[in-house]
Amino acid sequence: MSESGHLHFKIYKPFEMLSQLHSNDAKESRNKRFLSELHNFPEGIMPVGRLDEKSEGLLLLTTDGKLSDHINRSGIEKEYYAQLDGEITNEAIELLQHGVEIGFHGRKYITKSTRVQRLTTLPTLPEPDKKLRIGRHRPTSWIGITITEGKFRQVRKMTAAVGFPTVRLIRIRIGNINLKELSPGKVTPIKGLSF
């Protein structure tokens, strides 16, 4: 689903960058990083969904509002690599797969069932930001998790709910679009984005 004449990009959103192009708040603009510093994006561009400030990885941008809305609402798969505080147990993985209770807008919410796998071979990824305090006190483990919804900070809330907080989160796929060889801050135009 896409209309011709629209422009689309995929980017590797770096750690500590907001999923927005700029801020109307002058004070916030001084202390935060925005997507506009990565590329001279065309007029009317918008991020498709969000990644929170502390998360990194694949973010799509488009000038097609209908396509953006379609991707956000239609249950398209989003796949992440999550580095967790502690060695995740089989029980915790099973709980994640069947859905866990998280808080969302002050209410309790049960997540939909999802695919979760322990990653025994570590993915090849860029070095973590030095501000991330990874493995200082106890070992970490990695999972791959695929969700079809996108509640605010959902993956982080899910892993915390089963006792293994996320220390690093990287989105690697949205539908058929993959992060692949992109490095943090890299921007690549996409021809004919469709879902």
C-alpha atoms as a PDB file:
ATOM      1  CA  MET A   1       0.000   0.000   0.000  1.00  0.00           C
ATOM      2  CA  SER A   2       1.709   3.185  -1.203  1.00  0.00           C
ATOM      3  CA  GLU A   3       1.016   6.010  -3.601  1.00  0.00           C
ATOM      4  CA  SER A   4       3.484   7.098  -6.251  1.00  0.00           C
ATOM      5  CA  GLY A   5       5.149  10.473  -5.850  1.00  0.00           C
ATOM      6  CA  HIS A   6       5.816   9.891  -2.165  1.00  0.00           C
ATOM      7  CA  LEU A   7       9.313   9.611  -0.681  1.00  0.00           C
ATOM      8  CA  HIS A   8      10.372   6.972   1.831  1.00  0.00           C
ATOM      9  CA  PHE A   9      13.525   6.411   3.861  1.00  0.00           C
ATOM     10  CA  LYS A  10      14.840   3.880   6.319  1.00  0.00           C
ATOM     11  CA  ILE A  11      17.269   4.957   9.011  1.00  0.00           C
ATOM     12  CA  TYR A  12      19.206   3.486  11.903  1.00  0.00           C
ATOM     13  CA  LYS A  13      17.978   5.706  14.731  1.00  0.00           C
ATOM     14  CA  PRO A  14      20.874   6.172  17.137  1.00  0.00           C
ATOM     15  CA  PHE A  15      20.630   5.755  20.907  1.00  0.00           C
ATOM     16  CA  GLU A  16      19.429   8.947  22.645  1.00  0.00           C
ATOM     17  CA  MET A  17      17.881  10.485  19.543  1.00  0.00           C
ATOM     18  CA  LEU A  18      14.168  11.332  19.564  1.00  0.00           C
ATOM     19  CA  SER A  19      11.879   9.854  16.877  1.00  0.00           C
ATOM     20  CA  GLN A  20      10.888  13.316  15.687  1.00  0.00           C
ATOM     21  CA  LEU A  21      12.352  15.828  13.273  1.00  0.00           C
ATOM     22  CA  HIS A  22      12.487  18.828  15.620  1.00  0.00           C
ATOM     23  CA  SER A  23      10.859  20.334  18.680  1.00  0.00           C
ATOM     24  CA  ASN A  24       8.763  23.462  19.112  1.00  0.00           C
ATOM     25  CA  ASP A  25      10.165  23.727  22.624  1.00  0.00           C
ATOM     26  CA  ALA A  26      13.373  25.820  22.471  1.00  0.00           C
ATOM     27  CA  LYS A  27      14.671  24.414  25.774  1.00  0.00           C
ATOM     28  CA  GLU A  28      14.145  20.810  24.660  1.00  0.00           C
ATOM     29  CA  SER A  29      15.832  21.588  21.331  1.00  0.00           C
ATOM     30  CA  ARG A  30      19.053  22.546  23.097  1.00  0.00           C
ATOM     31  CA  ASN A  31      19.356  19.325  25.096  1.00  0.00           C
ATOM     32  CA  LYS A  32      18.008  16.712  22.689  1.00  0.00           C
ATOM     33  CA  ARG A  33      18.945  15.197  19.343  1.00  0.00           C
ATOM     34  CA  PHE A  34      16.455  15.045  16.465  1.00  0.00           C
ATOM     35  CA  LEU A  35      16.199  13.121  13.189  1.00  0.00           C
ATOM     36  CA  SER A  36      16.694  16.319  11.159  1.00  0.00           C
ATOM     37  CA  GLU A  37      20.419  16.274  12.011  1.00  0.00           C
ATOM     38  CA  LEU A  38      20.863  13.004  10.064  1.00  0.00           C
ATOM     39  CA  HIS A  39      19.667  14.143   6.645  1.00  0.00           C
ATOM     40  CA  ASN A  40      18.095  17.014   4.750  1.00  0.00           C
ATOM     41  CA  PHE A  41      14.671  15.338   4.627  1.00  0.00           C
ATOM     42  CA  PRO A  42      11.997  16.591   2.193  1.00  0.00           C
ATOM     43  CA  GLU A  43       9.034  18.702   3.258  1.00  0.00           C
ATOM     44  CA  GLY A  44       6.160  16.686   4.728  1.00  0.00           C
ATOM     45  CA  ILE A  45       8.287  13.750   5.935  1.00  0.00           C
ATOM     46  CA  MET A  46       7.112  11.934   9.076  1.00  0.00           C
ATOM     47  CA  PRO A  47       8.406   9.034  11.146  1.00  0.00           C
ATOM     48  CA  VAL A  48       6.287   5.876  10.941  1.00  0.00           C
ATOM     49  CA  GLY A  49       5.715   4.917  14.560  1.00  0.00           C
ATOM     50  CA  ARG A  50       8.372   5.605  17.158  1.00  0.00           C
ATOM     51  CA  LEU A  51      11.352   4.219  18.966  1.00  0.00           C
ATOM     52  CA  ASP A  52      11.861   5.619  22.438  1.00  0.00           C
ATOM     53  CA  GLU A  53      14.912   7.771  23.094  1.00  0.00           C
ATOM     54  CA  LYS A  54      16.955   4.945  24.655  1.00  0.00           C
ATOM     55  CA  SER A  55      16.129   2.457  21.872  1.00  0.00           C
ATOM     56  CA  GLU A  56      17.903   2.251  18.535  1.00  0.00           C
ATOM     57  CA  GLY A  57      17.554   0.661  15.142  1.00  0.00           C
ATOM     58  CA  LEU A  58      15.153   0.674  12.220  1.00  0.00           C
ATOM     59  CA  LEU A  59      12.841   3.634  11.785  1.00  0.00           C
ATOM     60  CA  LEU A  60      10.896   4.351   8.594  1.00  0.00           C
ATOM     61  CA  LEU A  61      10.082   7.848   7.390  1.00  0.00           C
ATOM     62  CA  THR A  62       7.581   8.713   4.660  1.00  0.00           C
ATOM     63  CA  THR A  63       5.716  11.622   3.095  1.00  0.00           C
ATOM     64  CA  ASP A  64       2.684   9.293   2.717  1.00  0.00           C
ATOM     65  CA  GLY A  65       0.352   9.834   5.678  1.00  0.00           C
ATOM     66  CA  LYS A  66      -2.012   7.037   4.585  1.00  0.00           C
ATOM     67  CA  LEU A  67       0.842   4.537   4.412  1.00  0.00           C
ATOM     68  CA  SER A  68       2.136   5.644   7.820  1.00  0.00           C
ATOM     69  CA  ASP A  69      -1.326   5.154   9.318  1.00  0.00           C
ATOM     70  CA  HIS A  70      -1.676   1.741   7.629  1.00  0.00           C
ATOM     71  CA  ILE A  71       1.662   0.502   9.022  1.00  0.00           C
ATOM     72  CA  ASN A  72       0.835   1.749  12.525  1.00  0.00           C
ATOM     73  CA  ARG A  73      -2.640   0.188  12.654  1.00  0.00           C
ATOM     74  CA  SER A  74      -2.494  -3.032  10.665  1.00  0.00           C
ATOM     75  CA  GLY A  75      -0.556  -5.398  12.925  1.00  0.00           C
ATOM     76  CA  ILE A  76       2.583  -5.496  10.762  1.00  0.00           C
ATOM     77  CA  GLU A  77       5.396  -7.423  12.461  1.00  0.00           C
ATOM     78  CA  LYS A  78       8.155  -5.514  14.211  1.00  0.00           C
ATOM     79  CA  GLU A  79      11.211  -7.519  15.221  1.00  0.00           C
ATOM     80  CA  TYR A  80      13.704  -6.529  17.902  1.00  0.00           C
ATOM     81  CA  TYR A  81      16.889  -7.764  19.501  1.00  0.00           C
ATOM     82  CA  ALA A  82      16.751  -7.147  23.243  1.00  0.00           C
ATOM     83  CA  GLN A  83      19.715  -7.450  25.575  1.00  0.00           C
ATOM     84  CA  LEU A  84      18.399  -8.312  29.024  1.00  0.00           C
ATOM     85  CA  ASP A  85      19.701  -7.863  32.537  1.00  0.00           C
ATOM     86  CA  GLY A  86      20.307 -11.450  33.700  1.00  0.00           C
ATOM     87  CA  GLU A  87      20.164 -14.870  32.035  1.00  0.00           C
ATOM     88  CA  ILE A  88      16.568 -15.215  30.872  1.00  0.00           C
ATOM     89  CA  THR A  89      14.819 -18.461  31.846  1.00  0.00           C
ATOM     90  CA  ASN A  90      12.678 -20.736  29.687  1.00  0.00           C
ATOM     91  CA  GLU A  91       9.730 -19.899  31.958  1.00  0.00           C
ATOM     92  CA  ALA A  92      10.153 -16.166  31.308  1.00  0.00           C
ATOM     93  CA  ILE A  93      10.365 -16.767  27.537  1.00  0.00           C
ATOM     94  CA  GLU A  94       7.153 -18.809  27.698  1.00  0.00           C
ATOM     95  CA  LEU A  95       5.369 -16.056  29.625  1.00  0.00           C
ATOM     96  CA  LEU A  96       6.439 -13.476  27.031  1.00  0.00           C
ATOM     97  CA  GLN A  97       5.216 -15.701  24.207  1.00  0.00           C
ATOM     98  CA  HIS A  98       1.734 -16.064  25.693  1.00  0.00           C
ATOM     99  CA  GLY A  99       1.300 -12.418  26.675  1.00  0.00           C
ATOM    100  CA  VAL A 100       2.070 -10.555  29.883  1.00  0.00           C
ATOM    101  CA  GLU A 101       0.369  -7.791  31.818  1.00  0.00           C
ATOM    102  CA  ILE A 102       1.859  -4.320  31.360  1.00  0.00           C
ATOM    103  CA  GLY A 103       0.694  -0.834  32.298  1.00  0.00           C
ATOM    104  CA  PHE A 104      -0.529   1.331  29.449  1.00  0.00           C
ATOM    105  CA  HIS A 105      -2.085   4.801  29.939  1.00  0.00           C
ATOM    106  CA  GLY A 106      -2.683   4.013  33.615  1.00  0.00           C
ATOM    107  CA  ARG A 107      -4.537   0.784  32.812  1.00  0.00           C
ATOM    108  CA  LYS A 108      -3.522  -2.842  32.856  1.00  0.00           C
ATOM    109  CA  TYR A 109      -3.046  -4.371  29.418  1.00  0.00           C
ATOM    110  CA  ILE A 110      -2.335  -7.975  28.370  1.00  0.00           C
ATOM    111  CA  THR A 111       0.012  -8.139  25.396  1.00  0.00           C
ATOM    112  CA  LYS A 112      -0.848 -10.334  22.416  1.00  0.00           C
ATOM    113  CA  SER A 113       0.999 -13.619  21.989  1.00  0.00           C
ATOM    114  CA  THR A 114       4.340 -13.127  20.311  1.00  0.00           C
ATOM    115  CA  ARG A 115       7.411 -14.937  18.977  1.00  0.00           C
ATOM    116  CA  VAL A 116      10.385 -14.956  21.334  1.00  0.00           C
ATOM    117  CA  GLN A 117      13.632 -16.850  20.998  1.00  0.00           C
ATOM    118  CA  ARG A 118      16.829 -16.912  22.996  1.00  0.00           C
ATOM    119  CA  LEU A 119      19.752 -15.811  20.840  1.00  0.00           C
ATOM    120  CA  THR A 120      22.627 -18.173  21.470  1.00  0.00           C
ATOM    121  CA  THR A 121      24.776 -16.635  18.746  1.00  0.00           C
ATOM    122  CA  LEU A 122      25.165 -12.946  19.390  1.00  0.00           C
ATOM    123  CA  PRO A 123      24.011 -10.716  16.552  1.00  0.00           C
ATOM    124  CA  THR A 124      26.626  -8.548  14.841  1.00  0.00           C
ATOM    125  CA  LEU A 125      25.715  -5.064  15.990  1.00  0.00           C
ATOM    126  CA  PRO A 126      27.351  -1.678  16.383  1.00  0.00           C
ATOM    127  CA  GLU A 127      29.074  -1.086  19.709  1.00  0.00           C
ATOM    128  CA  PRO A 128      26.644  -0.011  22.443  1.00  0.00           C
ATOM    129  CA  ASP A 129      26.615   3.603  23.555  1.00  0.00           C
ATOM    130  CA  LYS A 130      29.037   4.146  26.434  1.00  0.00           C
ATOM    131  CA  LYS A 131      26.204   5.491  28.599  1.00  0.00           C
ATOM    132  CA  LEU A 132      24.574   2.049  28.616  1.00  0.00           C
ATOM    133  CA  ARG A 133      25.712   0.284  31.767  1.00  0.00           C
ATOM    134  CA  ILE A 134      25.739  -3.205  30.336  1.00  0.00           C
ATOM    135  CA  GLY A 135      26.808  -6.193  32.388  1.00  0.00           C
ATOM    136  CA  ARG A 136      28.375  -4.142  35.177  1.00  0.00           C
ATOM    137  CA  HIS A 137      26.818  -6.194  37.926  1.00  0.00           C
ATOM    138  CA  ARG A 138      25.496  -9.413  36.431  1.00  0.00           C
ATOM    139  CA  PRO A 139      25.499 -11.259  33.116  1.00  0.00           C
ATOM    140  CA  THR A 140      23.165 -10.363  30.283  1.00  0.00           C
ATOM    141  CA  SER A 141      21.326 -12.446  27.695  1.00  0.00           C
ATOM    142  CA  TRP A 142      19.803 -11.696  24.296  1.00  0.00           C
ATOM    143  CA  ILE A 143      16.392 -12.505  22.851  1.00  0.00           C
ATOM    144  CA  GLY A 144      14.771 -11.920  19.492  1.00  0.00           C
ATOM    145  CA  ILE A 145      11.166 -10.758  19.922  1.00  0.00           C
ATOM    146  CA  THR A 146       8.554 -10.088  17.230  1.00  0.00           C
ATOM    147  CA  ILE A 147       5.427  -8.111  18.085  1.00  0.00           C
ATOM    148  CA  THR A 148       2.443  -7.031  15.985  1.00  0.00           C
ATOM    149  CA  GLU A 149       1.369  -4.153  18.201  1.00  0.00           C
ATOM    150  CA  GLY A 150       3.317  -1.118  19.278  1.00  0.00           C
ATOM    151  CA  LYS A 151       2.297   0.181  22.671  1.00  0.00           C
ATOM    152  CA  PHE A 152       4.586   2.796  24.234  1.00  0.00           C
ATOM    153  CA  ARG A 153       7.827   1.132  25.431  1.00  0.00           C
ATOM    154  CA  GLN A 154       6.113  -2.231  24.997  1.00  0.00           C
ATOM    155  CA  VAL A 155       9.116  -4.556  24.696  1.00  0.00           C
ATOM    156  CA  ARG A 156      10.814  -2.909  27.687  1.00  0.00           C
ATOM    157  CA  LYS A 157       7.648  -3.245  29.775  1.00  0.00           C
ATOM    158  CA  MET A 158       7.217  -6.890  28.729  1.00  0.00           C
ATOM    159  CA  THR A 159      10.730  -8.006  29.665  1.00  0.00           C
ATOM    160  CA  ALA A 160      10.565  -6.072  32.957  1.00  0.00           C
ATOM    161  CA  ALA A 161       7.238  -7.797  33.725  1.00  0.00           C
ATOM    162  CA  VAL A 162       8.963 -11.202  33.645  1.00  0.00           C
ATOM    163  CA  GLY A 163      11.930 -10.029  35.744  1.00  0.00           C
ATOM    164  CA  PHE A 164      14.528  -9.342  33.041  1.00  0.00           C
ATOM    165  CA  PRO A 165      14.706  -5.604  32.297  1.00  0.00           C
ATOM    166  CA  THR A 166      15.923  -4.591  28.838  1.00  0.00           C
ATOM    167  CA  VAL A 167      19.319  -2.867  28.880  1.00  0.00           C
ATOM    168  CA  ARG A 168      19.651  -2.450  25.114  1.00  0.00           C
ATOM    169  CA  LEU A 169      16.912  -2.580  22.480  1.00  0.00           C
ATOM    170  CA  ILE A 170      17.409  -2.581  18.708  1.00  0.00           C
ATOM    171  CA  ARG A 171      14.591  -2.814  16.158  1.00  0.00           C
ATOM    172  CA  ILE A 172      15.839  -4.855  13.205  1.00  0.00           C
ATOM    173  CA  ARG A 173      12.732  -5.304  11.041  1.00  0.00           C
ATOM    174  CA  ILE A 174       9.354  -3.757  10.193  1.00  0.00           C
ATOM    175  CA  GLY A 175       7.342  -6.055   7.909  1.00  0.00           C
ATOM    176  CA  ASN A 176       9.611  -6.833   4.940  1.00  0.00           C
ATOM    177  CA  ILE A 177      12.040  -3.960   5.596  1.00  0.00           C
ATOM    178  CA  ASN A 178      15.253  -4.953   7.413  1.00  0.00           C
ATOM    179  CA  LEU A 179      17.934  -2.930   9.172  1.00  0.00           C
ATOM    180  CA  LYS A 180      20.603  -5.030   7.427  1.00  0.00           C
ATOM    181  CA  GLU A 181      23.939  -3.237   7.053  1.00  0.00           C
ATOM    182  CA  LEU A 182      22.822   0.199   8.244  1.00  0.00           C
ATOM    183  CA  SER A 183      24.991   1.774  10.927  1.00  0.00           C
ATOM    184  CA  PRO A 184      23.758   4.281  13.535  1.00  0.00           C
ATOM    185  CA  GLY A 185      22.720   7.559  11.923  1.00  0.00           C
ATOM    186  CA  LYS A 186      22.700   6.156   8.387  1.00  0.00           C
ATOM    187  CA  VAL A 187      19.816   7.125   6.077  1.00  0.00           C
ATOM    188  CA  THR A 188      18.820   5.182   2.926  1.00  0.00           C
ATOM    189  CA  PRO A 189      16.045   6.097   0.461  1.00  0.00           C
ATOM    190  CA  ILE A 190      13.577   3.274  -0.280  1.00  0.00           C
ATOM    191  CA  LYS A 191      11.890   2.951  -3.656  1.00  0.00           C
ATOM    192  CA  GLY A 192       8.247   1.878  -3.651  1.00  0.00           C
ATOM    193  CA  LEU A 193       7.608   1.184   0.020  1.00  0.00           C
ATOM    194  CA  SER A 194       4.615  -1.141   0.293  1.00  0.00           C
ATOM    195  CA  PHE A 195       3.005  -3.371   2.912  1.00  0.00           C
END
